[in-house]
């Protein structure tokens, strides 16, 4: 597995603990140091499953051979990329045939929802205008076309952050109820279409 944009390594460590071999890309040396410290506390067999590489998301396609990975995870990094289209093509390039490309992107079709719910009317108004002036809007239809164009057609998509975009209840029982509701709504129209983020999954063709 390739985890693009390692961050603090939460996802990579969870996968390694589950038995997966994980290559983590992170260009920020401070974040890599944090992950190294976390790894130091793990058992030896888990540490051996994680490899850290000082590469940014935009250089993924040039750094690895085609078909290197069965799964590529890029959860949030495309939003920061200078050229999301080129970066996306690089991610698909390193996937093996039948491999899964998992993306977490901002949902530009619902930017006004969160500020509107919290009463920030100026931000909501600005968000309504944003997709029309953005040169690279993060929309489901845009990514559906883009994934098809790089030989990794859309297989499934989910909404993320429909009811609780920026908060989680402190009580465990309430948090579990909220997460169960989020999981159900993530697969259900029309709710998933107004989520703060979209989880988009494509599969590499043969």
N, C-alpha and C. Protein backbone atom coordinates (compact mmCIF):
# COMPACT_ATOMS: atom_id res chain seq x y z
N UNK A 1 0.83 -1.19 0.00
CA UNK A 1 0.00 0.00 0.00
C UNK A 1 0.87 1.25 0.00
N UNK A 2 0.37 2.28 -0.68
CA UNK A 2 1.05 3.57 -0.68
C UNK A 2 0.14 4.59 -0.01
N UNK A 3 0.65 5.25 1.02
CA UNK A 3 -0.09 6.30 1.72
C UNK A 3 0.56 7.63 1.35
N UNK A 4 -0.13 8.40 0.53
CA UNK A 4 0.41 9.66 0.00
C UNK A 4 -0.01 10.81 0.90
N UNK A 5 0.98 11.50 1.46
CA UNK A 5 0.68 12.54 2.44
C UNK A 5 0.49 11.90 3.80
N UNK A 6 1.57 11.42 4.35
CA UNK A 6 1.54 10.60 5.57
C UNK A 6 0.99 11.35 6.77
N UNK A 7 1.26 12.65 6.84
CA UNK A 7 0.83 13.42 8.01
C UNK A 7 1.47 12.89 9.27
N UNK A 8 0.66 12.64 10.29
CA UNK A 8 1.17 12.12 11.56
C UNK A 8 1.23 10.59 11.58
N UNK A 9 0.87 9.97 10.48
CA UNK A 9 1.04 8.53 10.35
C UNK A 9 -0.06 7.68 10.95
N UNK A 10 -1.18 8.29 11.34
CA UNK A 10 -2.26 7.54 11.99
C UNK A 10 -2.77 6.43 11.08
N UNK A 11 -3.03 6.78 9.83
CA UNK A 11 -3.56 5.79 8.89
C UNK A 11 -2.55 4.70 8.58
N UNK A 12 -1.31 5.08 8.32
CA UNK A 12 -0.27 4.10 7.99
C UNK A 12 -0.04 3.13 9.14
N UNK A 13 -0.01 3.64 10.36
CA UNK A 13 0.20 2.77 11.52
C UNK A 13 -0.97 1.81 11.71
N UNK A 14 -2.17 2.29 11.50
CA UNK A 14 -3.34 1.42 11.63
C UNK A 14 -3.26 0.28 10.61
N UNK A 15 -2.86 0.59 9.40
CA UNK A 15 -2.75 -0.43 8.36
C UNK A 15 -1.62 -1.41 8.66
N UNK A 16 -0.49 -0.90 9.14
CA UNK A 16 0.63 -1.78 9.48
C UNK A 16 0.26 -2.73 10.62
N UNK A 17 -0.47 -2.21 11.60
CA UNK A 17 -0.91 -3.07 12.70
C UNK A 17 -1.86 -4.15 12.23
N UNK A 18 -2.57 -3.87 11.13
CA UNK A 18 -3.49 -4.86 10.57
C UNK A 18 -2.79 -5.86 9.66
N UNK A 19 -1.46 -5.70 9.48
CA UNK A 19 -0.69 -6.67 8.72
C UNK A 19 -0.27 -6.24 7.33
N UNK A 20 -0.55 -5.00 6.94
CA UNK A 20 -0.23 -4.54 5.59
C UNK A 20 1.18 -3.95 5.52
N UNK A 21 1.80 -4.09 4.34
CA UNK A 21 3.06 -3.41 4.05
C UNK A 21 2.73 -2.02 3.53
N UNK A 22 3.25 -0.98 4.18
CA UNK A 22 2.86 0.40 3.86
C UNK A 22 4.09 1.23 3.54
N UNK A 23 4.04 1.91 2.39
CA UNK A 23 5.02 2.94 2.05
C UNK A 23 4.35 4.29 2.26
N UNK A 24 4.94 5.12 3.10
CA UNK A 24 4.35 6.42 3.41
C UNK A 24 5.16 7.55 2.81
N UNK A 25 4.50 8.41 2.03
CA UNK A 25 5.16 9.57 1.44
C UNK A 25 4.86 10.81 2.27
N UNK A 26 5.90 11.54 2.63
CA UNK A 26 5.71 12.80 3.36
C UNK A 26 6.91 13.70 3.09
N UNK A 27 6.65 14.88 2.54
CA UNK A 27 7.73 15.80 2.21
C UNK A 27 8.14 16.67 3.39
N UNK A 28 7.31 16.76 4.42
CA UNK A 28 7.59 17.59 5.59
C UNK A 28 8.48 16.82 6.57
N UNK A 29 9.71 17.27 6.79
CA UNK A 29 10.62 16.53 7.68
C UNK A 29 10.13 16.47 9.12
N UNK A 30 9.45 17.50 9.59
CA UNK A 30 8.94 17.50 10.96
C UNK A 30 7.88 16.41 11.15
N UNK A 31 7.01 16.26 10.16
CA UNK A 31 6.00 15.22 10.25
C UNK A 31 6.62 13.83 10.15
N UNK A 32 7.64 13.69 9.31
CA UNK A 32 8.33 12.39 9.24
C UNK A 32 8.97 12.04 10.57
N UNK A 33 9.54 13.03 11.24
CA UNK A 33 10.14 12.79 12.55
C UNK A 33 9.09 12.32 13.56
N UNK A 34 7.91 12.92 13.50
CA UNK A 34 6.83 12.50 14.40
C UNK A 34 6.45 11.04 14.16
N UNK A 35 6.38 10.66 12.88
CA UNK A 35 6.03 9.28 12.56
C UNK A 35 7.13 8.33 13.02
N UNK A 36 8.37 8.74 12.83
CA UNK A 36 9.50 7.91 13.29
C UNK A 36 9.41 7.66 14.80
N UNK A 37 9.03 8.69 15.54
CA UNK A 37 8.91 8.54 16.99
C UNK A 37 7.76 7.59 17.35
N UNK A 38 6.67 7.70 16.61
CA UNK A 38 5.55 6.78 16.84
C UNK A 38 5.96 5.34 16.52
N UNK A 39 6.69 5.17 15.43
CA UNK A 39 7.13 3.83 15.04
C UNK A 39 8.08 3.22 16.07
N UNK A 40 8.87 4.08 16.70
CA UNK A 40 9.84 3.58 17.68
C UNK A 40 9.17 2.88 18.85
N UNK A 41 7.91 3.21 19.10
CA UNK A 41 7.18 2.59 20.21
C UNK A 41 6.44 1.32 19.79
N UNK A 42 6.50 0.99 18.51
CA UNK A 42 5.78 -0.17 18.00
C UNK A 42 6.66 -1.42 18.05
N UNK A 43 6.05 -2.60 18.09
CA UNK A 43 6.83 -3.85 18.01
C UNK A 43 7.62 -3.92 16.71
N UNK A 44 8.67 -4.70 16.73
CA UNK A 44 9.57 -4.78 15.58
C UNK A 44 8.86 -5.22 14.31
N UNK A 45 7.92 -6.18 14.41
CA UNK A 45 7.26 -6.67 13.20
C UNK A 45 6.39 -5.59 12.55
N UNK A 46 5.88 -4.66 13.34
CA UNK A 46 5.09 -3.56 12.78
C UNK A 46 6.00 -2.51 12.16
N UNK A 47 7.10 -2.19 12.83
CA UNK A 47 8.05 -1.22 12.27
C UNK A 47 8.55 -1.67 10.91
N UNK A 48 8.77 -2.97 10.74
CA UNK A 48 9.29 -3.48 9.47
C UNK A 48 8.29 -3.36 8.32
N UNK A 49 7.03 -3.17 8.66
CA UNK A 49 6.01 -3.06 7.62
C UNK A 49 5.86 -1.64 7.08
N UNK A 50 6.53 -0.68 7.68
CA UNK A 50 6.37 0.72 7.29
C UNK A 50 7.68 1.27 6.74
N UNK A 51 7.59 1.85 5.54
CA UNK A 51 8.75 2.51 4.93
C UNK A 51 8.39 3.96 4.67
N UNK A 52 9.21 4.89 5.15
CA UNK A 52 8.97 6.31 4.95
C UNK A 52 9.83 6.83 3.82
N UNK A 53 9.21 7.64 2.95
CA UNK A 53 9.92 8.20 1.80
C UNK A 53 9.68 9.71 1.77
N UNK A 54 10.76 10.47 1.62
CA UNK A 54 10.68 11.94 1.62
C UNK A 54 10.33 12.44 0.22
N UNK A 55 9.08 12.24 -0.16
CA UNK A 55 8.59 12.63 -1.49
C UNK A 55 7.21 13.25 -1.33
N UNK A 56 6.94 14.31 -2.10
CA UNK A 56 5.63 14.92 -2.09
C UNK A 56 4.68 14.22 -3.05
N UNK A 57 3.41 14.50 -2.91
CA UNK A 57 2.39 13.83 -3.73
C UNK A 57 2.59 14.08 -5.22
N UNK A 58 3.07 15.26 -5.57
CA UNK A 58 3.20 15.60 -6.99
C UNK A 58 4.32 14.83 -7.68
N UNK A 59 5.22 14.23 -6.90
CA UNK A 59 6.33 13.47 -7.48
C UNK A 59 6.12 11.96 -7.42
N UNK A 60 4.93 11.54 -7.02
CA UNK A 60 4.67 10.10 -6.86
C UNK A 60 4.91 9.33 -8.15
N UNK A 61 4.35 9.82 -9.25
CA UNK A 61 4.44 9.10 -10.51
C UNK A 61 5.86 8.96 -11.03
N UNK A 62 6.72 9.92 -10.69
CA UNK A 62 8.10 9.88 -11.16
C UNK A 62 9.01 9.06 -10.24
N UNK A 63 8.57 8.82 -9.02
CA UNK A 63 9.44 8.18 -8.03
C UNK A 63 9.34 6.66 -8.04
N UNK A 64 8.19 6.13 -8.46
CA UNK A 64 7.97 4.68 -8.43
C UNK A 64 7.69 4.15 -9.83
N UNK A 65 8.01 2.88 -10.03
CA UNK A 65 7.73 2.23 -11.31
C UNK A 65 6.23 2.02 -11.48
N UNK A 66 5.75 1.96 -12.72
CA UNK A 66 4.33 1.67 -12.94
C UNK A 66 3.94 0.33 -12.33
N UNK A 67 2.74 0.30 -11.75
CA UNK A 67 2.23 -0.95 -11.20
C UNK A 67 2.86 -1.41 -9.91
N UNK A 68 3.49 -0.50 -9.17
CA UNK A 68 4.20 -0.89 -7.95
C UNK A 68 3.25 -1.29 -6.81
N UNK A 69 2.09 -0.67 -6.73
CA UNK A 69 1.23 -0.83 -5.55
C UNK A 69 -0.14 -1.41 -5.91
N UNK A 70 -0.69 -2.16 -4.96
CA UNK A 70 -2.05 -2.68 -5.09
C UNK A 70 -3.09 -1.66 -4.65
N UNK A 71 -2.70 -0.79 -3.72
CA UNK A 71 -3.60 0.23 -3.18
C UNK A 71 -2.84 1.54 -3.04
N UNK A 72 -3.45 2.64 -3.48
CA UNK A 72 -2.89 3.97 -3.28
C UNK A 72 -3.93 4.81 -2.54
N UNK A 73 -3.53 5.35 -1.40
CA UNK A 73 -4.40 6.20 -0.59
C UNK A 73 -3.89 7.63 -0.66
N UNK A 74 -4.77 8.55 -1.02
CA UNK A 74 -4.41 9.97 -1.06
C UNK A 74 -5.58 10.73 -0.44
N UNK A 75 -5.50 10.92 0.86
CA UNK A 75 -6.63 11.45 1.61
C UNK A 75 -6.36 12.90 2.03
N UNK A 76 -6.64 13.82 1.11
CA UNK A 76 -6.52 15.24 1.39
C UNK A 76 -5.41 15.95 0.65
N UNK A 77 -4.43 15.23 0.13
CA UNK A 77 -3.27 15.86 -0.48
C UNK A 77 -3.58 16.56 -1.80
N UNK A 78 -4.54 16.07 -2.56
CA UNK A 78 -4.84 16.68 -3.86
C UNK A 78 -5.30 18.11 -3.72
N UNK A 79 -5.93 18.44 -2.60
CA UNK A 79 -6.41 19.80 -2.38
C UNK A 79 -5.24 20.78 -2.36
N UNK A 80 -4.08 20.33 -1.89
CA UNK A 80 -2.90 21.19 -1.78
C UNK A 80 -2.02 21.17 -3.03
N UNK A 81 -2.27 20.26 -3.94
CA UNK A 81 -1.40 20.10 -5.11
C UNK A 81 -1.49 21.28 -6.05
N UNK A 82 -0.36 21.67 -6.63
CA UNK A 82 -0.36 22.76 -7.61
C UNK A 82 -1.12 22.36 -8.86
N UNK A 83 -0.99 21.11 -9.26
CA UNK A 83 -1.66 20.61 -10.45
C UNK A 83 -2.33 19.28 -10.10
N UNK A 84 -3.56 19.32 -9.59
CA UNK A 84 -4.22 18.09 -9.16
C UNK A 84 -4.35 17.05 -10.26
N UNK A 85 -4.58 17.49 -11.51
CA UNK A 85 -4.75 16.54 -12.60
C UNK A 85 -3.50 15.72 -12.86
N UNK A 86 -2.35 16.40 -12.90
CA UNK A 86 -1.08 15.70 -13.11
C UNK A 86 -0.75 14.80 -11.93
N UNK A 87 -1.00 15.29 -10.73
CA UNK A 87 -0.77 14.47 -9.53
C UNK A 87 -1.64 13.23 -9.55
N UNK A 88 -2.90 13.38 -9.92
CA UNK A 88 -3.82 12.25 -9.98
C UNK A 88 -3.34 11.21 -10.99
N UNK A 89 -2.87 11.66 -12.14
CA UNK A 89 -2.35 10.74 -13.14
C UNK A 89 -1.14 9.97 -12.62
N UNK A 90 -0.30 10.64 -11.84
CA UNK A 90 0.86 9.97 -11.25
C UNK A 90 0.46 8.90 -10.25
N UNK A 91 -0.57 9.18 -9.48
CA UNK A 91 -1.06 8.18 -8.52
C UNK A 91 -1.58 6.94 -9.24
N UNK A 92 -2.32 7.16 -10.32
CA UNK A 92 -2.85 6.02 -11.08
C UNK A 92 -1.73 5.23 -11.74
N UNK A 93 -0.69 5.91 -12.16
CA UNK A 93 0.42 5.27 -12.86
C UNK A 93 1.09 4.20 -12.01
N UNK A 94 1.20 4.43 -10.71
CA UNK A 94 1.92 3.48 -9.86
C UNK A 94 1.03 2.35 -9.34
N UNK A 95 -0.25 2.35 -9.74
CA UNK A 95 -1.17 1.28 -9.36
C UNK A 95 -1.04 0.09 -10.29
N UNK A 96 -1.08 -1.10 -9.72
CA UNK A 96 -1.12 -2.32 -10.53
C UNK A 96 -2.53 -2.50 -11.09
N UNK A 97 -2.65 -3.32 -12.13
CA UNK A 97 -3.96 -3.60 -12.72
C UNK A 97 -4.90 -4.17 -11.66
N UNK A 98 -6.10 -3.62 -11.59
CA UNK A 98 -7.06 -4.04 -10.57
C UNK A 98 -6.86 -3.38 -9.23
N UNK A 99 -5.86 -2.49 -9.14
CA UNK A 99 -5.56 -1.83 -7.87
C UNK A 99 -6.56 -0.73 -7.54
N UNK A 100 -6.66 -0.43 -6.26
CA UNK A 100 -7.62 0.55 -5.75
C UNK A 100 -6.96 1.90 -5.52
N UNK A 101 -7.58 2.95 -6.05
CA UNK A 101 -7.16 4.33 -5.78
C UNK A 101 -8.22 4.96 -4.89
N UNK A 102 -7.82 5.34 -3.68
CA UNK A 102 -8.74 5.91 -2.69
C UNK A 102 -8.38 7.37 -2.46
N UNK A 103 -9.33 8.26 -2.74
CA UNK A 103 -9.11 9.70 -2.64
C UNK A 103 -10.09 10.32 -1.66
N UNK A 104 -9.60 11.26 -0.86
CA UNK A 104 -10.48 12.09 -0.04
C UNK A 104 -10.30 13.52 -0.51
N UNK A 105 -11.39 14.11 -1.02
CA UNK A 105 -11.32 15.44 -1.61
C UNK A 105 -12.39 16.34 -0.99
N UNK A 106 -12.15 17.63 -1.08
CA UNK A 106 -13.15 18.61 -0.67
C UNK A 106 -14.33 18.54 -1.63
N UNK A 107 -15.52 18.75 -1.13
CA UNK A 107 -16.72 18.74 -1.97
C UNK A 107 -17.11 20.17 -2.31
N UNK A 108 -16.64 20.66 -3.46
CA UNK A 108 -16.90 22.05 -3.83
C UNK A 108 -18.35 22.31 -4.20
N UNK A 109 -19.15 21.28 -4.35
CA UNK A 109 -20.58 21.48 -4.60
C UNK A 109 -21.35 21.75 -3.32
N UNK A 110 -20.69 21.67 -2.17
CA UNK A 110 -21.39 21.87 -0.90
C UNK A 110 -20.60 22.77 0.05
N UNK A 111 -19.80 23.67 -0.50
CA UNK A 111 -18.95 24.51 0.34
C UNK A 111 -19.73 25.42 1.28
N UNK A 112 -20.93 25.79 0.88
CA UNK A 112 -21.71 26.72 1.70
C UNK A 112 -22.44 26.05 2.86
N UNK A 113 -22.49 24.73 2.87
CA UNK A 113 -23.31 24.03 3.85
C UNK A 113 -22.82 24.25 5.29
N UNK A 114 -21.53 24.06 5.54
CA UNK A 114 -21.04 24.17 6.91
C UNK A 114 -21.15 25.60 7.45
N UNK A 115 -20.64 26.62 6.74
CA UNK A 115 -20.81 27.97 7.29
C UNK A 115 -22.27 28.37 7.41
N UNK A 116 -23.11 27.86 6.52
CA UNK A 116 -24.54 28.16 6.62
C UNK A 116 -25.15 27.56 7.87
N UNK A 117 -24.75 26.32 8.22
CA UNK A 117 -25.28 25.67 9.42
C UNK A 117 -24.84 26.38 10.69
N UNK A 118 -23.67 27.00 10.65
CA UNK A 118 -23.14 27.66 11.85
C UNK A 118 -23.46 29.15 11.89
N UNK A 119 -24.20 29.64 10.89
CA UNK A 119 -24.62 31.04 10.90
C UNK A 119 -23.59 32.02 10.39
N UNK A 120 -22.56 31.55 9.71
CA UNK A 120 -21.56 32.45 9.12
C UNK A 120 -22.02 32.80 7.71
N UNK A 121 -22.89 33.78 7.62
CA UNK A 121 -23.55 34.07 6.34
C UNK A 121 -22.60 34.62 5.29
N UNK A 122 -21.62 35.42 5.69
CA UNK A 122 -20.66 35.95 4.72
C UNK A 122 -19.84 34.82 4.09
N UNK A 123 -19.39 33.89 4.92
CA UNK A 123 -18.62 32.76 4.40
C UNK A 123 -19.48 31.88 3.52
N UNK A 124 -20.73 31.70 3.90
CA UNK A 124 -21.63 30.88 3.09
C UNK A 124 -21.86 31.53 1.73
N UNK A 125 -22.04 32.86 1.71
CA UNK A 125 -22.24 33.57 0.45
C UNK A 125 -21.00 33.45 -0.43
N UNK A 126 -19.82 33.61 0.16
CA UNK A 126 -18.58 33.49 -0.61
C UNK A 126 -18.42 32.07 -1.15
N UNK A 127 -18.81 31.09 -0.37
CA UNK A 127 -18.69 29.69 -0.80
C UNK A 127 -19.60 29.39 -1.97
N UNK A 128 -20.77 30.01 -2.00
CA UNK A 128 -21.68 29.80 -3.12
C UNK A 128 -21.07 30.25 -4.44
N UNK A 129 -20.23 31.28 -4.38
CA UNK A 129 -19.60 31.81 -5.59
C UNK A 129 -18.32 31.07 -5.96
N UNK A 130 -17.70 30.36 -5.01
CA UNK A 130 -16.37 29.81 -5.21
C UNK A 130 -16.24 28.86 -6.39
N UNK A 131 -17.11 27.85 -6.53
CA UNK A 131 -16.92 26.89 -7.63
C UNK A 131 -16.96 27.53 -9.00
N UNK A 132 -17.68 28.64 -9.13
CA UNK A 132 -17.81 29.27 -10.44
C UNK A 132 -16.52 29.98 -10.86
N UNK A 133 -15.73 30.41 -9.88
CA UNK A 133 -14.50 31.12 -10.24
C UNK A 133 -13.25 30.27 -10.04
N UNK A 134 -13.42 29.08 -9.52
CA UNK A 134 -12.26 28.21 -9.30
C UNK A 134 -11.89 27.50 -10.58
N UNK A 135 -10.60 27.49 -10.88
CA UNK A 135 -10.16 26.84 -12.10
C UNK A 135 -10.05 25.34 -11.98
N UNK A 136 -10.12 24.81 -10.77
CA UNK A 136 -9.94 23.36 -10.58
C UNK A 136 -10.88 22.85 -9.50
N UNK A 137 -12.16 23.10 -9.67
CA UNK A 137 -13.15 22.73 -8.66
C UNK A 137 -13.10 21.24 -8.35
N UNK A 138 -13.20 20.92 -7.07
CA UNK A 138 -13.22 19.53 -6.63
C UNK A 138 -14.68 19.08 -6.56
N UNK A 139 -15.14 18.55 -7.66
CA UNK A 139 -16.52 18.11 -7.78
C UNK A 139 -16.54 16.65 -8.21
N UNK A 140 -17.61 15.97 -7.84
CA UNK A 140 -17.71 14.55 -8.16
C UNK A 140 -17.68 14.32 -9.66
N UNK A 141 -18.42 15.12 -10.42
CA UNK A 141 -18.45 14.88 -11.87
C UNK A 141 -17.09 15.15 -12.50
N UNK A 142 -16.35 16.13 -11.97
CA UNK A 142 -15.01 16.42 -12.48
C UNK A 142 -14.08 15.23 -12.24
N UNK A 143 -14.13 14.65 -11.06
CA UNK A 143 -13.27 13.52 -10.74
C UNK A 143 -13.73 12.24 -11.43
N UNK A 144 -15.01 12.11 -11.67
CA UNK A 144 -15.50 10.95 -12.42
C UNK A 144 -14.90 10.94 -13.82
N UNK A 145 -14.93 12.10 -14.48
CA UNK A 145 -14.32 12.21 -15.82
C UNK A 145 -12.81 12.02 -15.75
N UNK A 146 -12.19 12.64 -14.74
CA UNK A 146 -10.74 12.55 -14.62
C UNK A 146 -10.26 11.13 -14.38
N UNK A 147 -10.94 10.40 -13.53
CA UNK A 147 -10.55 9.01 -13.25
C UNK A 147 -10.72 8.13 -14.49
N UNK A 148 -11.79 8.35 -15.23
CA UNK A 148 -11.99 7.58 -16.46
C UNK A 148 -10.89 7.87 -17.47
N UNK A 149 -10.45 9.13 -17.51
CA UNK A 149 -9.42 9.53 -18.47
C UNK A 149 -8.05 8.97 -18.19
N UNK A 150 -7.78 8.55 -16.96
CA UNK A 150 -6.47 7.98 -16.62
C UNK A 150 -6.55 6.47 -16.39
N UNK A 151 -7.61 5.86 -16.88
CA UNK A 151 -7.73 4.41 -16.82
C UNK A 151 -8.02 3.84 -15.45
N UNK A 152 -8.62 4.66 -14.59
CA UNK A 152 -8.96 4.21 -13.23
C UNK A 152 -10.39 4.65 -12.93
N UNK A 153 -11.36 4.07 -13.61
CA UNK A 153 -12.73 4.56 -13.51
C UNK A 153 -13.32 4.46 -12.11
N UNK A 154 -14.24 5.37 -11.83
CA UNK A 154 -14.91 5.41 -10.54
C UNK A 154 -15.62 4.09 -10.26
N UNK A 155 -15.40 3.54 -9.07
CA UNK A 155 -16.09 2.33 -8.64
C UNK A 155 -17.17 2.65 -7.60
N UNK A 156 -16.85 3.57 -6.66
CA UNK A 156 -17.81 3.93 -5.63
C UNK A 156 -17.41 5.27 -5.03
N UNK A 157 -18.38 5.96 -4.44
CA UNK A 157 -18.06 7.19 -3.73
C UNK A 157 -18.97 7.34 -2.51
N UNK A 158 -18.46 8.08 -1.53
CA UNK A 158 -19.15 8.25 -0.25
C UNK A 158 -19.04 9.71 0.20
N UNK A 159 -20.00 10.14 0.99
CA UNK A 159 -19.91 11.44 1.63
C UNK A 159 -19.23 11.32 2.98
N UNK A 160 -18.43 12.32 3.34
CA UNK A 160 -17.72 12.32 4.62
C UNK A 160 -17.97 13.67 5.31
N UNK A 161 -18.41 13.63 6.54
CA UNK A 161 -18.68 14.88 7.26
C UNK A 161 -20.03 15.47 6.90
N UNK A 162 -21.06 14.66 6.97
CA UNK A 162 -22.40 15.13 6.60
C UNK A 162 -23.06 15.83 7.78
N UNK A 163 -23.01 15.21 8.94
CA UNK A 163 -23.64 15.79 10.12
C UNK A 163 -22.63 16.35 11.12
N UNK A 164 -21.43 15.80 11.13
CA UNK A 164 -20.45 16.22 12.12
C UNK A 164 -19.12 16.51 11.49
N UNK A 165 -19.06 17.54 10.66
CA UNK A 165 -17.85 17.84 9.90
C UNK A 165 -16.66 18.15 10.80
N UNK A 166 -16.88 18.88 11.89
CA UNK A 166 -15.73 19.34 12.68
C UNK A 166 -15.86 19.05 14.17
N UNK A 167 -16.72 18.14 14.54
CA UNK A 167 -16.84 17.84 15.96
C UNK A 167 -17.24 16.38 16.16
N UNK A 168 -16.85 15.85 17.30
CA UNK A 168 -17.24 14.50 17.70
C UNK A 168 -17.69 14.58 19.15
N UNK A 169 -18.87 14.08 19.48
CA UNK A 169 -19.35 14.14 20.86
C UNK A 169 -18.35 13.55 21.84
N UNK A 170 -18.29 14.13 23.03
CA UNK A 170 -17.33 13.67 24.04
C UNK A 170 -17.71 12.31 24.62
N UNK A 171 -19.00 12.06 24.77
CA UNK A 171 -19.44 10.78 25.32
C UNK A 171 -19.32 9.68 24.27
N UNK A 172 -18.79 8.53 24.68
CA UNK A 172 -18.56 7.43 23.74
C UNK A 172 -19.85 6.97 23.08
N UNK A 173 -20.92 6.87 23.86
CA UNK A 173 -22.18 6.39 23.30
C UNK A 173 -22.71 7.33 22.23
N UNK A 174 -22.63 8.64 22.51
CA UNK A 174 -23.09 9.62 21.53
C UNK A 174 -22.21 9.59 20.29
N UNK A 175 -20.90 9.43 20.48
CA UNK A 175 -19.98 9.37 19.34
C UNK A 175 -20.29 8.17 18.46
N UNK A 176 -20.57 7.03 19.08
CA UNK A 176 -20.90 5.82 18.32
C UNK A 176 -22.18 6.00 17.52
N UNK A 177 -23.18 6.65 18.12
CA UNK A 177 -24.44 6.89 17.42
C UNK A 177 -24.22 7.82 16.24
N UNK A 178 -23.41 8.86 16.45
CA UNK A 178 -23.13 9.80 15.38
C UNK A 178 -22.39 9.13 14.23
N UNK A 179 -21.38 8.31 14.56
CA UNK A 179 -20.61 7.63 13.53
C UNK A 179 -21.47 6.64 12.75
N UNK A 180 -22.38 5.96 13.44
CA UNK A 180 -23.28 5.04 12.75
C UNK A 180 -24.18 5.79 11.78
N UNK A 181 -24.65 6.96 12.19
CA UNK A 181 -25.49 7.78 11.32
C UNK A 181 -24.69 8.29 10.13
N UNK A 182 -23.45 8.74 10.39
CA UNK A 182 -22.59 9.22 9.31
C UNK A 182 -22.33 8.11 8.29
N UNK A 183 -22.05 6.90 8.78
CA UNK A 183 -21.75 5.79 7.88
C UNK A 183 -22.94 5.47 6.98
N UNK A 184 -24.13 5.50 7.55
CA UNK A 184 -25.32 5.22 6.74
C UNK A 184 -25.57 6.33 5.73
N UNK A 185 -25.48 7.58 6.18
CA UNK A 185 -25.72 8.71 5.28
C UNK A 185 -24.67 8.80 4.19
N UNK A 186 -23.44 8.33 4.49
CA UNK A 186 -22.35 8.40 3.52
C UNK A 186 -22.66 7.64 2.24
N UNK A 187 -23.58 6.66 2.32
CA UNK A 187 -23.93 5.84 1.17
C UNK A 187 -25.30 6.18 0.60
N UNK A 188 -25.95 7.18 1.17
CA UNK A 188 -27.35 7.44 0.87
C UNK A 188 -27.54 8.78 0.18
N UNK A 189 -28.23 8.76 -0.97
CA UNK A 189 -28.62 10.01 -1.63
C UNK A 189 -29.90 10.53 -0.98
N UNK A 190 -30.09 11.87 -0.90
CA UNK A 190 -29.21 12.92 -1.40
C UNK A 190 -28.17 13.39 -0.39
N UNK A 191 -28.12 12.75 0.78
CA UNK A 191 -27.30 13.26 1.87
C UNK A 191 -25.81 13.27 1.54
N UNK A 192 -25.33 12.21 0.91
CA UNK A 192 -23.89 12.15 0.64
C UNK A 192 -23.44 13.26 -0.29
N UNK A 193 -24.33 13.79 -1.11
CA UNK A 193 -23.95 14.83 -2.08
C UNK A 193 -23.71 16.18 -1.42
N UNK A 194 -24.13 16.37 -0.17
CA UNK A 194 -23.90 17.64 0.52
C UNK A 194 -22.88 17.49 1.64
N UNK A 195 -22.10 16.43 1.62
CA UNK A 195 -21.05 16.22 2.63
C UNK A 195 -19.93 17.23 2.44
N UNK A 196 -19.20 17.50 3.51
CA UNK A 196 -18.06 18.41 3.43
C UNK A 196 -16.95 17.85 2.56
N UNK A 197 -16.75 16.52 2.61
CA UNK A 197 -15.71 15.86 1.84
C UNK A 197 -16.32 14.69 1.09
N UNK A 198 -15.61 14.24 0.05
CA UNK A 198 -16.02 13.07 -0.71
C UNK A 198 -14.92 12.03 -0.68
N UNK A 199 -15.29 10.79 -0.43
CA UNK A 199 -14.36 9.66 -0.51
C UNK A 199 -14.63 8.97 -1.85
N UNK A 200 -13.69 9.12 -2.77
CA UNK A 200 -13.85 8.66 -4.15
C UNK A 200 -12.92 7.49 -4.40
N UNK A 201 -13.45 6.38 -4.92
CA UNK A 201 -12.67 5.17 -5.13
C UNK A 201 -12.70 4.76 -6.60
N UNK A 202 -11.53 4.61 -7.19
CA UNK A 202 -11.41 4.13 -8.56
C UNK A 202 -10.59 2.86 -8.61
N UNK A 203 -10.78 2.07 -9.67
CA UNK A 203 -10.05 0.81 -9.83
C UNK A 203 -9.30 0.84 -11.15
N UNK A 204 -8.01 0.53 -11.09
CA UNK A 204 -7.14 0.58 -12.26
C UNK A 204 -7.49 -0.52 -13.25
N UNK A 205 -7.67 -0.15 -14.50
CA UNK A 205 -7.97 -1.13 -15.53
C UNK A 205 -6.75 -1.96 -15.90
N UNK A 206 -6.99 -3.08 -16.60
CA UNK A 206 -5.90 -3.98 -16.99
C UNK A 206 -5.13 -3.49 -18.19
